[in-house]
Amino acid sequence: MEWISTPTHGYLRVKRSDMQGFKPSNYSRQNKRFYYLEEDCDAPEYFKHIWGKDWRTKYVSTDVESKYTNEFIDVIASIDQ
């Protein structure tokens, strides 16, 4: 899994083989290899689907340099199951 951040939105990239029966909404995208789960609705629901309703996240603010942004943004640093 990998977070992808664009200037306007974010997506969780998940291999098709790792979906474990999860059916994303129309807000998410897909190609032959990956699903790109929309950050606000499908990504959290996917975590619930694979890890149960009690999954937790830890957030950290970091300076991210990429072709999209070099602004201070919040990113998920780790996921506790």
PDB file of N, CA and C in Angstrom:
ATOM      1  N   MET A   1       0.834  -1.177   0.000  1.00  0.00           N
ATOM      2  CA  MET A   1       0.000   0.000   0.000  1.00  0.00           C
ATOM      3  C   MET A   1       0.876   1.236   0.000  1.00  0.00           C
ATOM      4  N   GLU A   2       0.370   2.256  -0.639  1.00  0.00           N
ATOM      5  CA  GLU A   2       1.117   3.500  -0.721  1.00  0.00           C
ATOM      6  C   GLU A   2       0.131   4.655  -0.834  1.00  0.00           C
ATOM      7  N   TRP A   3       0.403   5.741  -0.103  1.00  0.00           N
ATOM      8  CA  TRP A   3      -0.407   6.955  -0.213  1.00  0.00           C
ATOM      9  C   TRP A   3       0.108   7.780  -1.372  1.00  0.00           C
ATOM     10  N   ILE A   4      -0.816   8.279  -2.166  1.00  0.00           N
ATOM     11  CA  ILE A   4      -0.473   9.176  -3.261  1.00  0.00           C
ATOM     12  C   ILE A   4      -1.194  10.488  -3.001  1.00  0.00           C
ATOM     13  N   SER A   5      -0.442  11.568  -2.993  1.00  0.00           N
ATOM     14  CA  SER A   5      -1.003  12.882  -2.740  1.00  0.00           C
ATOM     15  C   SER A   5      -0.875  13.736  -3.987  1.00  0.00           C
ATOM     16  N   THR A   6      -1.971  14.337  -4.404  1.00  0.00           N
ATOM     17  CA  THR A   6      -1.968  15.270  -5.525  1.00  0.00           C
ATOM     18  C   THR A   6      -2.255  16.663  -4.966  1.00  0.00           C
ATOM     19  N   PRO A   7      -2.171  17.691  -5.760  1.00  0.00           N
ATOM     20  CA  PRO A   7      -2.458  19.029  -5.236  1.00  0.00           C
ATOM     21  C   PRO A   7      -3.869  19.175  -4.676  1.00  0.00           C
ATOM     22  N   THR A   8      -4.789  18.353  -5.097  1.00  0.00           N
ATOM     23  CA  THR A   8      -6.175  18.513  -4.655  1.00  0.00           C
ATOM     24  C   THR A   8      -6.721  17.353  -3.834  1.00  0.00           C
ATOM     25  N   HIS A   9      -6.060  16.209  -3.855  1.00  0.00           N
ATOM     26  CA  HIS A   9      -6.648  15.053  -3.180  1.00  0.00           C
ATOM     27  C   HIS A   9      -5.599  13.982  -2.919  1.00  0.00           C
ATOM     28  N   GLY A  10      -6.032  12.891  -2.281  1.00  0.00           N
ATOM     29  CA  GLY A  10      -5.141  11.791  -2.001  1.00  0.00           C
ATOM     30  C   GLY A  10      -5.814  10.451  -2.211  1.00  0.00           C
ATOM     31  N   TYR A  11      -5.000   9.439  -2.447  1.00  0.00           N
ATOM     32  CA  TYR A  11      -5.495   8.095  -2.702  1.00  0.00           C
ATOM     33  C   TYR A  11      -4.565   7.076  -2.047  1.00  0.00           C
ATOM     34  N   LEU A  12      -5.136   5.976  -1.641  1.00  0.00           N
ATOM     35  CA  LEU A  12      -4.370   4.841  -1.153  1.00  0.00           C
ATOM     36  C   LEU A  12      -4.263   3.856  -2.308  1.00  0.00           C
ATOM     37  N   ARG A  13      -3.042   3.576  -2.756  1.00  0.00           N
ATOM     38  CA  ARG A  13      -2.848   2.634  -3.864  1.00  0.00           C
ATOM     39  C   ARG A  13      -2.725   1.233  -3.294  1.00  0.00           C
ATOM     40  N   VAL A  14      -3.585   0.334  -3.764  1.00  0.00           N
ATOM     41  CA  VAL A  14      -3.631  -1.047  -3.281  1.00  0.00           C
ATOM     42  C   VAL A  14      -3.580  -1.985  -4.477  1.00  0.00           C
ATOM     43  N   LYS A  15      -2.731  -2.996  -4.397  1.00  0.00           N
ATOM     44  CA  LYS A  15      -2.692  -4.000  -5.466  1.00  0.00           C
ATOM     45  C   LYS A  15      -4.050  -4.671  -5.574  1.00  0.00           C
ATOM     46  N   ARG A  16      -4.444  -4.977  -6.775  1.00  0.00           N
ATOM     47  CA  ARG A  16      -5.736  -5.647  -6.993  1.00  0.00           C
ATOM     48  C   ARG A  16      -5.818  -6.947  -6.193  1.00  0.00           C
ATOM     49  N   SER A  17      -4.694  -7.657  -6.104  1.00  0.00           N
ATOM     50  CA  SER A  17      -4.672  -8.932  -5.387  1.00  0.00           C
ATOM     51  C   SER A  17      -4.822  -8.766  -3.874  1.00  0.00           C
ATOM     52  N   ASP A  18      -4.646  -7.554  -3.352  1.00  0.00           N
ATOM     53  CA  ASP A  18      -4.763  -7.297  -1.917  1.00  0.00           C
ATOM     54  C   ASP A  18      -6.125  -6.758  -1.493  1.00  0.00           C
ATOM     55  N   MET A  19      -7.072  -6.682  -2.402  1.00  0.00           N
ATOM     56  CA  MET A  19      -8.376  -6.086  -2.080  1.00  0.00           C
ATOM     57  C   MET A  19      -9.229  -6.971  -1.165  1.00  0.00           C
ATOM     58  N   GLN A  20      -9.008  -8.263  -1.150  1.00  0.00           N
ATOM     59  CA  GLN A  20      -9.694  -9.204  -0.263  1.00  0.00           C
ATOM     60  C   GLN A  20     -11.215  -9.039  -0.291  1.00  0.00           C
ATOM     61  N   GLY A  21     -11.752  -8.847  -1.486  1.00  0.00           N
ATOM     62  CA  GLY A  21     -13.201  -8.750  -1.630  1.00  0.00           C
ATOM     63  C   GLY A  21     -13.783  -7.374  -1.371  1.00  0.00           C
ATOM     64  N   PHE A  22     -12.965  -6.383  -1.067  1.00  0.00           N
ATOM     65  CA  PHE A  22     -13.461  -5.030  -0.814  1.00  0.00           C
ATOM     66  C   PHE A  22     -13.931  -4.411  -2.119  1.00  0.00           C
ATOM     67  N   LYS A  23     -15.107  -3.803  -2.091  1.00  0.00           N
ATOM     68  CA  LYS A  23     -15.686  -3.160  -3.266  1.00  0.00           C
ATOM     69  C   LYS A  23     -15.704  -1.647  -3.052  1.00  0.00           C
ATOM     70  N   PRO A  24     -14.829  -0.893  -3.722  1.00  0.00           N
ATOM     71  CA  PRO A  24     -14.784   0.554  -3.530  1.00  0.00           C
ATOM     72  C   PRO A  24     -15.945   1.275  -4.221  1.00  0.00           C
ATOM     73  N   SER A  25     -16.139   2.512  -3.818  1.00  0.00           N
ATOM     74  CA  SER A  25     -17.190   3.342  -4.409  1.00  0.00           C
ATOM     75  C   SER A  25     -16.720   3.903  -5.752  1.00  0.00           C
ATOM     76  N   ASN A  26     -17.585   4.678  -6.374  1.00  0.00           N
ATOM     77  CA  ASN A  26     -17.245   5.313  -7.647  1.00  0.00           C
ATOM     78  C   ASN A  26     -16.252   6.457  -7.485  1.00  0.00           C
ATOM     79  N   TYR A  27     -15.932   6.855  -6.263  1.00  0.00           N
ATOM     80  CA  TYR A  27     -14.951   7.915  -6.028  1.00  0.00           C
ATOM     81  C   TYR A  27     -13.519   7.412  -6.225  1.00  0.00           C
ATOM     82  N   SER A  28     -13.325   6.130  -6.171  1.00  0.00           N
ATOM     83  CA  SER A  28     -12.001   5.539  -6.345  1.00  0.00           C
ATOM     84  C   SER A  28     -11.762   5.223  -7.812  1.00  0.00           C
ATOM     85  N   ARG A  29     -10.513   4.970  -8.144  1.00  0.00           N
ATOM     86  CA  ARG A  29     -10.115   4.656  -9.519  1.00  0.00           C
ATOM     87  C   ARG A  29      -9.397   3.309  -9.542  1.00  0.00           C
ATOM     88  N   GLN A  30      -9.210   2.782 -10.743  1.00  0.00           N
ATOM     89  CA  GLN A  30      -8.500   1.515 -10.880  1.00  0.00           C
ATOM     90  C   GLN A  30      -7.842   1.431 -12.247  1.00  0.00           C
ATOM     91  N   ASN A  31      -6.833   0.568 -12.325  1.00  0.00           N
ATOM     92  CA  ASN A  31      -6.239   0.197 -13.602  1.00  0.00           C
ATOM     93  C   ASN A  31      -5.993  -1.308 -13.560  1.00  0.00           C
ATOM     94  N   LYS A  32      -5.203  -1.836 -14.446  1.00  0.00           N
ATOM     95  CA  LYS A  32      -5.008  -3.286 -14.504  1.00  0.00           C
ATOM     96  C   LYS A  32      -4.306  -3.848 -13.280  1.00  0.00           C
ATOM     97  N   ARG A  33      -3.472  -3.036 -12.580  1.00  0.00           N
ATOM     98  CA  ARG A  33      -2.692  -3.551 -11.454  1.00  0.00           C
ATOM     99  C   ARG A  33      -3.148  -3.068 -10.091  1.00  0.00           C
ATOM    100  N   PHE A  34      -3.743  -1.873 -10.028  1.00  0.00           N
ATOM    101  CA  PHE A  34      -4.021  -1.254  -8.742  1.00  0.00           C
ATOM    102  C   PHE A  34      -5.418  -0.652  -8.651  1.00  0.00           C
ATOM    103  N   TYR A  35      -5.877  -0.544  -7.416  1.00  0.00           N
ATOM    104  CA  TYR A  35      -7.001   0.319  -7.081  1.00  0.00           C
ATOM    105  C   TYR A  35      -6.413   1.546  -6.404  1.00  0.00           C
ATOM    106  N   TYR A  36      -6.998   2.697  -6.653  1.00  0.00           N
ATOM    107  CA  TYR A  36      -6.619   3.946  -6.014  1.00  0.00           C
ATOM    108  C   TYR A  36      -7.810   4.369  -5.177  1.00  0.00           C
ATOM    109  N   LEU A  37      -7.756   4.045  -3.887  1.00  0.00           N
ATOM    110  CA  LEU A  37      -8.894   4.249  -2.998  1.00  0.00           C
ATOM    111  C   LEU A  37      -8.933   5.682  -2.495  1.00  0.00           C
ATOM    112  N   GLU A  38     -10.047   6.331  -2.698  1.00  0.00           N
ATOM    113  CA  GLU A  38     -10.244   7.719  -2.294  1.00  0.00           C
ATOM    114  C   GLU A  38     -10.002   7.857  -0.799  1.00  0.00           C
ATOM    115  N   GLU A  39      -9.245   8.877  -0.397  1.00  0.00           N
ATOM    116  CA  GLU A  39      -8.749   8.999   0.969  1.00  0.00           C
ATOM    117  C   GLU A  39      -9.823   9.225   2.025  1.00  0.00           C
ATOM    118  N   ASP A  40     -10.924   9.863   1.680  1.00  0.00           N
ATOM    119  CA  ASP A  40     -11.922  10.223   2.685  1.00  0.00           C
ATOM    120  C   ASP A  40     -12.973   9.151   2.947  1.00  0.00           C
ATOM    121  N   CYS A  41     -13.297   8.366   1.935  1.00  0.00           N
ATOM    122  CA  CYS A  41     -14.346   7.360   2.166  1.00  0.00           C
ATOM    123  C   CYS A  41     -13.858   5.923   1.976  1.00  0.00           C
ATOM    124  N   ASP A  42     -13.210   5.618   0.883  1.00  0.00           N
ATOM    125  CA  ASP A  42     -12.857   4.222   0.603  1.00  0.00           C
ATOM    126  C   ASP A  42     -11.631   3.726   1.360  1.00  0.00           C
ATOM    127  N   ALA A  43     -10.599   4.564   1.528  1.00  0.00           N
ATOM    128  CA  ALA A  43      -9.390   4.102   2.234  1.00  0.00           C
ATOM    129  C   ALA A  43      -9.710   3.687   3.675  1.00  0.00           C
ATOM    130  N   PRO A  44     -10.422   4.508   4.474  1.00  0.00           N
ATOM    131  CA  PRO A  44     -10.753   4.063   5.836  1.00  0.00           C
ATOM    132  C   PRO A  44     -11.632   2.807   5.862  1.00  0.00           C
ATOM    133  N   GLU A  45     -12.556   2.714   4.926  1.00  0.00           N
ATOM    134  CA  GLU A  45     -13.417   1.527   4.868  1.00  0.00           C
ATOM    135  C   GLU A  45     -12.620   0.286   4.490  1.00  0.00           C
ATOM    136  N   TYR A  46     -11.617   0.448   3.635  1.00  0.00           N
ATOM    137  CA  TYR A  46     -10.749  -0.670   3.272  1.00  0.00           C
ATOM    138  C   TYR A  46      -9.990  -1.164   4.503  1.00  0.00           C
ATOM    139  N   PHE A  47      -9.455  -0.238   5.312  1.00  0.00           N
ATOM    140  CA  PHE A  47      -8.755  -0.635   6.537  1.00  0.00           C
ATOM    141  C   PHE A  47      -9.684  -1.395   7.480  1.00  0.00           C
ATOM    142  N   LYS A  48     -10.905  -0.942   7.619  1.00  0.00           N
ATOM    143  CA  LYS A  48     -11.875  -1.665   8.455  1.00  0.00           C
ATOM    144  C   LYS A  48     -12.115  -3.060   7.895  1.00  0.00           C
ATOM    145  N   HIS A  49     -12.206  -3.143   6.577  1.00  0.00           N
ATOM    146  CA  HIS A  49     -12.463  -4.425   5.915  1.00  0.00           C
ATOM    147  C   HIS A  49     -11.341  -5.427   6.183  1.00  0.00           C
ATOM    148  N   ILE A  50     -10.085  -4.981   6.095  1.00  0.00           N
ATOM    149  CA  ILE A  50      -8.989  -5.942   6.238  1.00  0.00           C
ATOM    150  C   ILE A  50      -8.512  -6.121   7.676  1.00  0.00           C
ATOM    151  N   TRP A  51      -8.691  -5.093   8.545  1.00  0.00           N
ATOM    152  CA  TRP A  51      -8.168  -5.188   9.910  1.00  0.00           C
ATOM    153  C   TRP A  51      -9.239  -5.141  10.997  1.00  0.00           C
ATOM    154  N   GLY A  52     -10.501  -5.014  10.614  1.00  0.00           N
ATOM    155  CA  GLY A  52     -11.561  -4.960  11.612  1.00  0.00           C
ATOM    156  C   GLY A  52     -11.884  -3.537  12.033  1.00  0.00           C
ATOM    157  N   LYS A  53     -12.951  -3.401  12.771  1.00  0.00           N
ATOM    158  CA  LYS A  53     -13.466  -2.075  13.106  1.00  0.00           C
ATOM    159  C   LYS A  53     -12.591  -1.303  14.085  1.00  0.00           C
ATOM    160  N   ASP A  54     -11.657  -1.951  14.754  1.00  0.00           N
ATOM    161  CA  ASP A  54     -10.848  -1.293  15.775  1.00  0.00           C
ATOM    162  C   ASP A  54      -9.466  -0.868  15.295  1.00  0.00           C
ATOM    163  N   TRP A  55      -9.240  -0.757  13.991  1.00  0.00           N
ATOM    164  CA  TRP A  55      -7.933  -0.339  13.508  1.00  0.00           C
ATOM    165  C   TRP A  55      -7.655   1.098  13.944  1.00  0.00           C
ATOM    166  N   ARG A  56      -6.378   1.412  14.107  1.00  0.00           N
ATOM    167  CA  ARG A  56      -5.947   2.733  14.568  1.00  0.00           C
ATOM    168  C   ARG A  56      -4.842   3.273  13.660  1.00  0.00           C
ATOM    169  N   THR A  57      -4.730   4.572  13.602  1.00  0.00           N
ATOM    170  CA  THR A  57      -3.657   5.199  12.845  1.00  0.00           C
ATOM    171  C   THR A  57      -2.856   6.127  13.735  1.00  0.00           C
ATOM    172  N   LYS A  58      -1.624   6.351  13.339  1.00  0.00           N
ATOM    173  CA  LYS A  58      -0.783   7.371  13.949  1.00  0.00           C
ATOM    174  C   LYS A  58      -0.429   8.350  12.828  1.00  0.00           C
ATOM    175  N   TYR A  59      -0.629   9.620  13.071  1.00  0.00           N
ATOM    176  CA  TYR A  59      -0.345  10.633  12.067  1.00  0.00           C
ATOM    177  C   TYR A  59       0.892  11.425  12.447  1.00  0.00           C
ATOM    178  N   VAL A  60       1.592  11.877  11.460  1.00  0.00           N
ATOM    179  CA  VAL A  60       2.751  12.732  11.696  1.00  0.00           C
ATOM    180  C   VAL A  60       2.764  13.803  10.609  1.00  0.00           C
ATOM    181  N   SER A  61       3.126  15.008  10.981  1.00  0.00           N
ATOM    182  CA  SER A  61       3.295  16.064   9.989  1.00  0.00           C
ATOM    183  C   SER A  61       4.723  16.039   9.506  1.00  0.00           C
ATOM    184  N   THR A  62       4.897  16.178   8.230  1.00  0.00           N
ATOM    185  CA  THR A  62       6.246  16.117   7.682  1.00  0.00           C
ATOM    186  C   THR A  62       6.340  16.991   6.442  1.00  0.00           C
ATOM    187  N   ASP A  63       7.521  17.434   6.149  1.00  0.00           N
ATOM    188  CA  ASP A  63       7.765  18.202   4.942  1.00  0.00           C
ATOM    189  C   ASP A  63       7.988  17.204   3.815  1.00  0.00           C
ATOM    190  N   VAL A  64       7.107  17.201   2.838  1.00  0.00           N
ATOM    191  CA  VAL A  64       7.157  16.219   1.761  1.00  0.00           C
ATOM    192  C   VAL A  64       7.632  16.898   0.484  1.00  0.00           C
ATOM    193  N   GLU A  65       8.651  16.345  -0.120  1.00  0.00           N
ATOM    194  CA  GLU A  65       9.118  16.863  -1.395  1.00  0.00           C
ATOM    195  C   GLU A  65       8.740  15.861  -2.480  1.00  0.00           C
ATOM    196  N   SER A  66       7.993  16.326  -3.436  1.00  0.00           N
ATOM    197  CA  SER A  66       7.618  15.476  -4.561  1.00  0.00           C
ATOM    198  C   SER A  66       7.346  16.373  -5.757  1.00  0.00           C
ATOM    199  N   LYS A  67       7.009  15.770  -6.852  1.00  0.00           N
ATOM    200  CA  LYS A  67       6.690  16.576  -8.028  1.00  0.00           C
ATOM    201  C   LYS A  67       5.354  17.295  -7.856  1.00  0.00           C
ATOM    202  N   TYR A  68       4.563  16.881  -6.837  1.00  0.00           N
ATOM    203  CA  TYR A  68       3.258  17.485  -6.620  1.00  0.00           C
ATOM    204  C   TYR A  68       3.285  18.629  -5.629  1.00  0.00           C
ATOM    205  N   THR A  69       4.057  18.499  -4.555  1.00  0.00           N
ATOM    206  CA  THR A  69       4.014  19.505  -3.507  1.00  0.00           C
ATOM    207  C   THR A  69       5.291  19.484  -2.683  1.00  0.00           C
ATOM    208  N   ASN A  70       5.614  20.599  -2.088  1.00  0.00           N
ATOM    209  CA  ASN A  70       6.684  20.634  -1.100  1.00  0.00           C
ATOM    210  C   ASN A  70       6.172  21.325   0.157  1.00  0.00           C
ATOM    211  N   GLU A  71       4.848  21.310   0.340  1.00  0.00           N
ATOM    212  CA  GLU A  71       4.208  21.930   1.478  1.00  0.00           C
ATOM    213  C   GLU A  71       4.183  20.994   2.671  1.00  0.00           C
ATOM    214  N   PHE A  72       3.923  21.549   3.834  1.00  0.00           N
ATOM    215  CA  PHE A  72       3.762  20.772   5.052  1.00  0.00           C
ATOM    216  C   PHE A  72       2.403  20.081   5.005  1.00  0.00           C
ATOM    217  N   ILE A  73       2.376  18.762   5.027  1.00  0.00           N
ATOM    218  CA  ILE A  73       1.103  18.047   4.959  1.00  0.00           C
ATOM    219  C   ILE A  73       1.084  16.952   6.020  1.00  0.00           C
ATOM    220  N   ASP A  74      -0.103  16.450   6.307  1.00  0.00           N
ATOM    221  CA  ASP A  74      -0.250  15.322   7.216  1.00  0.00           C
ATOM    222  C   ASP A  74      -0.246  14.037   6.406  1.00  0.00           C
ATOM    223  N   VAL A  75       0.555  13.079   6.852  1.00  0.00           N
ATOM    224  CA  VAL A  75       0.611  11.777   6.188  1.00  0.00           C
ATOM    225  C   VAL A  75       0.517  10.694   7.245  1.00  0.00           C
ATOM    226  N   ILE A  76       0.025   9.546   6.855  1.00  0.00           N
ATOM    227  CA  ILE A  76      -0.012   8.427   7.797  1.00  0.00           C
ATOM    228  C   ILE A  76       1.394   7.863   7.926  1.00  0.00           C
ATOM    229  N   ALA A  77       1.889   7.809   9.147  1.00  0.00           N
ATOM    230  CA  ALA A  77       3.239   7.311   9.393  1.00  0.00           C
ATOM    231  C   ALA A  77       3.236   5.823   9.660  1.00  0.00           C
ATOM    232  N   SER A  78       2.243   5.352  10.372  1.00  0.00           N
ATOM    233  CA  SER A  78       2.173   3.923  10.632  1.00  0.00           C
ATOM    234  C   SER A  78       0.738   3.551  10.958  1.00  0.00           C
ATOM    235  N   ILE A  79       0.464   2.293  10.867  1.00  0.00           N
ATOM    236  CA  ILE A  79      -0.880   1.791  11.138  1.00  0.00           C
ATOM    237  C   ILE A  79      -0.781   0.715  12.184  1.00  0.00           C
ATOM    238  N   ASP A  80      -1.493   0.881  13.286  1.00  0.00           N
ATOM    239  CA  ASP A  80      -1.533  -0.134  14.336  1.00  0.00           C
ATOM    240  C   ASP A  80      -2.756  -1.009  14.115  1.00  0.00           C
ATOM    241  N   GLN A  81      -2.558  -2.302  14.166  1.00  0.00           N
ATOM    242  CA  GLN A  81      -3.692  -3.220  14.017  1.00  0.00           C
ATOM    243  C   GLN A  81      -4.254  -3.581  15.360  1.00  0.00           C
TER     244      GLN A  81
END
